[in-house]
Every structure is written in structure tokens, then in C-alpha cells.
Amino acid sequence: MRYFLDTEFNGFGGELISLALVPEDGDQEFYTSLPLPEKIHSWVEQRVIPYLRHVPPGVDYEMSRTEAAMHIATYFAGDPDPVIIADWPDDLAYFCALLVTGPGEKAPINCLRFELINGAGFSSAATSKVPHNALHDARALKKFYLGE
């Protein structure tokens, strides 16, 4: 199945703050927020942090990086061929980095494929119900990709 990915991070090259996956079929969305860094980039503080918790009850999970990686592995456990779709390279980079749980160790995921799409004409800030919230932006990406 295809999953639409979005992340929020602490400015260019900064720490991962949140990550969301929205499946093409069904309503089993994945969202996590990670512990916030001590120093938050001013743009992120104004545009991301206020909306970090704007997700439905039961969806928002704040956890450590390792816990998040293990939850992602559990999330994909029943899917033999998950395809992760993103419109920005950093989203894929942060997702992959999160799966690394230690030196020579990764979350137990057997197979993943990735698709980086050309998002020309797509703006999550313009189409997301809650811009700069990873879950809402991933939902907007899904709608764009599927032509909804």
C-alpha cells in the first residue's frame, strides 16, 4: 500500500519534531511528535509548535526516537510492500534516519520503497487544514497525489 509522508523539523538541518504517515486506503494514520529541542528556530516556534497537537484524540503520540521507530515497524507489520510517498527529499531523509535505532541497528522493517514526487503546483501551506502540522500536511499530500 502507499503511505503519504510529511515531517516537521527544527529549521534547515535541525532535529525532527514530528512525522506523519497517511495510508492510501483506510483510516489507520500514524503520527508522532518527538521531544522538542532545547533551542527552537524562530520560524518553527511561530509556525509549527502552536499546531503540533492539532490532531484527533488518540492519534497524537509523543515518544522517543527509538519508540517512534519501533511503532513505525509495528505500523507496517501487516504490509508486505509499503511504499512511502513524499514531495520533499528531507521528509524521506528524516524518515529513514528515524529508523536507525543505534550503531548498526534499525527498526525491524523488512521492505520499504520510496517515491519522491514532483510536487509542482502543490503547497501544503495552501491546501492543508492545519498548515505545518505533519498529519494534516500528509493528508493534503494524499489528496493532491490522488487528484481529489
C-alpha atoms as a PDB file:
ATOM      1  CA  MET A   1       0.000   0.000   0.000  1.00  0.00           C
ATOM      2  CA  ARG A   2       1.036   3.616  -0.479  1.00  0.00           C
ATOM      3  CA  TYR A   3       1.576   5.904   2.514  1.00  0.00           C
ATOM      4  CA  PHE A   4       1.911   9.674   2.314  1.00  0.00           C
ATOM      5  CA  LEU A   5       4.647  11.140   4.467  1.00  0.00           C
ATOM      6  CA  ASP A   6       5.224  14.538   5.964  1.00  0.00           C
ATOM      7  CA  THR A   7       7.638  15.709   8.640  1.00  0.00           C
ATOM      8  CA  GLU A   8       8.287  18.858  10.595  1.00  0.00           C
ATOM      9  CA  PHE A   9      11.803  19.684  11.727  1.00  0.00           C
ATOM     10  CA  ASN A  10      13.639  22.434  13.561  1.00  0.00           C
ATOM     11  CA  GLY A  11      14.759  24.607  10.654  1.00  0.00           C
ATOM     12  CA  PHE A  12      17.109  23.593   7.860  1.00  0.00           C
ATOM     13  CA  GLY A  13      19.062  20.544   9.027  1.00  0.00           C
ATOM     14  CA  GLY A  14      17.516  20.710  12.505  1.00  0.00           C
ATOM     15  CA  GLU A  15      16.121  17.911  14.627  1.00  0.00           C
ATOM     16  CA  LEU A  16      12.982  16.007  13.648  1.00  0.00           C
ATOM     17  CA  ILE A  17       9.952  17.323  15.560  1.00  0.00           C
ATOM     18  CA  SER A  18       7.048  15.313  14.146  1.00  0.00           C
ATOM     19  CA  LEU A  19       6.224  12.742  11.490  1.00  0.00           C
ATOM     20  CA  ALA A  20       3.003  11.500   9.929  1.00  0.00           C
ATOM     21  CA  LEU A  21       2.019   8.711   7.558  1.00  0.00           C
ATOM     22  CA  VAL A  22      -1.414   8.622   5.929  1.00  0.00           C
ATOM     23  CA  PRO A  23      -2.383   5.401   4.142  1.00  0.00           C
ATOM     24  CA  GLU A  24      -3.959   5.439   0.709  1.00  0.00           C
ATOM     25  CA  ASP A  25      -6.723   3.127   1.975  1.00  0.00           C
ATOM     26  CA  GLY A  26      -8.325   3.061   5.381  1.00  0.00           C
ATOM     27  CA  ASP A  27      -8.022   5.416   8.292  1.00  0.00           C
ATOM     28  CA  GLN A  28      -5.102   3.994  10.247  1.00  0.00           C
ATOM     29  CA  GLU A  29      -2.950   7.111  10.281  1.00  0.00           C
ATOM     30  CA  PHE A  30       0.392   7.316  12.067  1.00  0.00           C
ATOM     31  CA  TYR A  31       1.520  10.441  13.882  1.00  0.00           C
ATOM     32  CA  THR A  32       4.229  11.072  16.394  1.00  0.00           C
ATOM     33  CA  SER A  33       5.848  14.091  17.912  1.00  0.00           C
ATOM     34  CA  LEU A  34       9.304  13.807  19.405  1.00  0.00           C
ATOM     35  CA  PRO A  35      10.772  15.624  22.410  1.00  0.00           C
ATOM     36  CA  LEU A  36      11.410  19.224  21.457  1.00  0.00           C
ATOM     37  CA  PRO A  37      14.969  20.506  21.160  1.00  0.00           C
ATOM     38  CA  GLU A  38      16.169  22.998  23.764  1.00  0.00           C
ATOM     39  CA  LYS A  39      16.518  25.791  21.221  1.00  0.00           C
ATOM     40  CA  ILE A  40      13.744  26.111  18.657  1.00  0.00           C
ATOM     41  CA  HIS A  41      14.212  28.005  15.403  1.00  0.00           C
ATOM     42  CA  SER A  42      12.073  31.182  15.429  1.00  0.00           C
ATOM     43  CA  TRP A  43      10.181  30.264  12.219  1.00  0.00           C
ATOM     44  CA  VAL A  44       9.362  26.837  13.689  1.00  0.00           C
ATOM     45  CA  GLU A  45       8.366  28.354  17.027  1.00  0.00           C
ATOM     46  CA  GLN A  46       5.857  30.625  15.268  1.00  0.00           C
ATOM     47  CA  ARG A  47       4.513  28.287  12.566  1.00  0.00           C
ATOM     48  CA  VAL A  48       4.940  24.685  13.725  1.00  0.00           C
ATOM     49  CA  ILE A  49       4.933  24.432  17.516  1.00  0.00           C
ATOM     50  CA  PRO A  50       1.479  26.063  18.009  1.00  0.00           C
ATOM     51  CA  TYR A  51      -0.059  23.375  15.746  1.00  0.00           C
ATOM     52  CA  LEU A  52       1.901  20.341  16.916  1.00  0.00           C
ATOM     53  CA  ARG A  53      -1.024  18.925  18.888  1.00  0.00           C
ATOM     54  CA  HIS A  54      -3.773  19.717  16.329  1.00  0.00           C
ATOM     55  CA  VAL A  55      -4.579  16.069  15.679  1.00  0.00           C
ATOM     56  CA  PRO A  56      -7.598  13.918  16.584  1.00  0.00           C
ATOM     57  CA  PRO A  57      -7.664  12.372  20.068  1.00  0.00           C
ATOM     58  CA  GLY A  58      -5.884   9.046  20.170  1.00  0.00           C
ATOM     59  CA  VAL A  59      -3.615   9.895  17.219  1.00  0.00           C
ATOM     60  CA  ASP A  60      -1.059  12.120  18.938  1.00  0.00           C
ATOM     61  CA  TYR A  61       1.789  10.207  20.497  1.00  0.00           C
ATOM     62  CA  GLU A  62       4.825  11.882  21.965  1.00  0.00           C
ATOM     63  CA  MET A  63       7.632   9.364  22.204  1.00  0.00           C
ATOM     64  CA  SER A  64      11.377   8.946  21.979  1.00  0.00           C
ATOM     65  CA  ARG A  65      13.094   8.375  18.650  1.00  0.00           C
ATOM     66  CA  THR A  66      13.563   4.662  19.367  1.00  0.00           C
ATOM     67  CA  GLU A  67       9.950   4.246  20.472  1.00  0.00           C
ATOM     68  CA  ALA A  68       8.786   6.038  17.319  1.00  0.00           C
ATOM     69  CA  ALA A  69      10.933   3.775  15.116  1.00  0.00           C
ATOM     70  CA  MET A  70       9.503   0.661  16.770  1.00  0.00           C
ATOM     71  CA  HIS A  71       5.945   1.962  16.400  1.00  0.00           C
ATOM     72  CA  ILE A  72       6.586   2.562  12.698  1.00  0.00           C
ATOM     73  CA  ALA A  73       7.802  -1.046  12.381  1.00  0.00           C
ATOM     74  CA  THR A  74       4.613  -2.240  14.080  1.00  0.00           C
ATOM     75  CA  TYR A  75       2.535   0.043  11.848  1.00  0.00           C
ATOM     76  CA  PHE A  76       3.973  -1.612   8.720  1.00  0.00           C
ATOM     77  CA  ALA A  77       3.997  -5.166  10.121  1.00  0.00           C
ATOM     78  CA  GLY A  78       0.965  -6.341   8.117  1.00  0.00           C
ATOM     79  CA  ASP A  79       2.004  -4.739   4.831  1.00  0.00           C
ATOM     80  CA  PRO A  80       4.469  -6.769   2.736  1.00  0.00           C
ATOM     81  CA  ASP A  81       5.234  -3.920   0.314  1.00  0.00           C
ATOM     82  CA  PRO A  82       4.781  -0.441   1.791  1.00  0.00           C
ATOM     83  CA  VAL A  83       5.545   2.495  -0.499  1.00  0.00           C
ATOM     84  CA  ILE A  84       6.356   5.819   1.157  1.00  0.00           C
ATOM     85  CA  ILE A  85       5.443   8.872  -0.931  1.00  0.00           C
ATOM     86  CA  ALA A  86       6.822  12.337  -0.221  1.00  0.00           C
ATOM     87  CA  ASP A  87       7.081  15.619  -2.067  1.00  0.00           C
ATOM     88  CA  TRP A  88      10.304  16.795  -0.419  1.00  0.00           C
ATOM     89  CA  PRO A  89      13.662  14.972  -0.064  1.00  0.00           C
ATOM     90  CA  ASP A  90      14.114  15.967   3.584  1.00  0.00           C
ATOM     91  CA  ASP A  91      10.910  14.134   4.508  1.00  0.00           C
ATOM     92  CA  LEU A  92      12.398  10.877   3.237  1.00  0.00           C
ATOM     93  CA  ALA A  93      15.779  11.611   4.827  1.00  0.00           C
ATOM     94  CA  TYR A  94      14.266  12.298   8.260  1.00  0.00           C
ATOM     95  CA  PHE A  95      12.039   9.225   7.986  1.00  0.00           C
ATOM     96  CA  CYS A  96      14.994   6.966   7.126  1.00  0.00           C
ATOM     97  CA  ALA A  97      17.188   8.493   9.839  1.00  0.00           C
ATOM     98  CA  LEU A  98      14.470   7.820  12.405  1.00  0.00           C
ATOM     99  CA  LEU A  99      14.542   4.115  11.543  1.00  0.00           C
ATOM    100  CA  VAL A 100      18.180   3.887  12.645  1.00  0.00           C
ATOM    101  CA  THR A 101      17.975   2.987  16.330  1.00  0.00           C
ATOM    102  CA  GLY A 102      21.670   2.615  17.152  1.00  0.00           C
ATOM    103  CA  PRO A 103      25.071   1.745  15.688  1.00  0.00           C
ATOM    104  CA  GLY A 104      24.386  -0.971  13.117  1.00  0.00           C
ATOM    105  CA  GLU A 105      20.777  -1.273  14.296  1.00  0.00           C
ATOM    106  CA  LYS A 106      17.459  -0.327  12.708  1.00  0.00           C
ATOM    107  CA  ALA A 107      13.771  -0.788  13.310  1.00  0.00           C
ATOM    108  CA  PRO A 108      12.673  -4.281  12.200  1.00  0.00           C
ATOM    109  CA  ILE A 109      11.131  -3.441   8.833  1.00  0.00           C
ATOM    110  CA  ASN A 110      11.660  -5.983   6.074  1.00  0.00           C
ATOM    111  CA  CYS A 111      10.964  -3.944   2.966  1.00  0.00           C
ATOM    112  CA  LEU A 112      10.221  -0.331   2.093  1.00  0.00           C
ATOM    113  CA  ARG A 113      10.044   1.501  -1.188  1.00  0.00           C
ATOM    114  CA  PHE A 114      10.158   5.242  -1.639  1.00  0.00           C
ATOM    115  CA  GLU A 115       8.708   7.608  -4.206  1.00  0.00           C
ATOM    116  CA  LEU A 116       9.723  11.246  -4.345  1.00  0.00           C
ATOM    117  CA  ILE A 117       7.105  13.020  -6.425  1.00  0.00           C
ATOM    118  CA  ASN A 118       7.281  16.275  -8.294  1.00  0.00           C
ATOM    119  CA  GLY A 119       5.074  18.484  -6.162  1.00  0.00           C
ATOM    120  CA  ALA A 120       4.864  21.300  -8.703  1.00  0.00           C
ATOM    121  CA  GLY A 121       1.554  23.009  -8.113  1.00  0.00           C
ATOM    122  CA  PHE A 122       1.216  21.579  -4.602  1.00  0.00           C
ATOM    123  CA  SER A 123       1.571  23.662  -1.478  1.00  0.00           C
ATOM    124  CA  SER A 124       0.764  22.050   1.844  1.00  0.00           C
ATOM    125  CA  ALA A 125       0.651  25.541   3.385  1.00  0.00           C
ATOM    126  CA  ALA A 126      -2.125  26.483   0.951  1.00  0.00           C
ATOM    127  CA  THR A 127      -4.097  23.214   0.998  1.00  0.00           C
ATOM    128  CA  SER A 128      -3.627  21.711   4.459  1.00  0.00           C
ATOM    129  CA  LYS A 129      -6.399  22.241   7.027  1.00  0.00           C
ATOM    130  CA  VAL A 130      -3.680  22.915   9.627  1.00  0.00           C
ATOM    131  CA  PRO A 131      -0.555  24.062   7.756  1.00  0.00           C
ATOM    132  CA  HIS A 132       2.785  22.956   9.210  1.00  0.00           C
ATOM    133  CA  ASN A 133       1.238  20.061  11.115  1.00  0.00           C
ATOM    134  CA  ALA A 134       2.710  16.834   9.730  1.00  0.00           C
ATOM    135  CA  LEU A 135      -0.546  14.866   9.890  1.00  0.00           C
ATOM    136  CA  HIS A 136      -2.660  17.491   8.144  1.00  0.00           C
ATOM    137  CA  ASP A 137       0.070  18.131   5.570  1.00  0.00           C
ATOM    138  CA  ALA A 138       0.340  14.383   4.825  1.00  0.00           C
ATOM    139  CA  ARG A 139      -3.434  14.283   4.319  1.00  0.00           C
ATOM    140  CA  ALA A 140      -3.167  17.215   1.905  1.00  0.00           C
ATOM    141  CA  LEU A 141      -0.359  15.457   0.014  1.00  0.00           C
ATOM    142  CA  LYS A 142      -2.544  12.355  -0.328  1.00  0.00           C
ATOM    143  CA  LYS A 143      -5.389  14.420  -1.789  1.00  0.00           C
ATOM    144  CA  PHE A 144      -3.014  16.146  -4.220  1.00  0.00           C
ATOM    145  CA  TYR A 145      -1.424  12.876  -5.328  1.00  0.00           C
ATOM    146  CA  LEU A 146      -4.757  11.118  -5.821  1.00  0.00           C
ATOM    147  CA  GLY A 147      -6.232  14.129  -7.618  1.00  0.00           C
ATOM    148  CA  GLU A 148      -9.004  14.664  -5.090  1.00  0.00           C
END
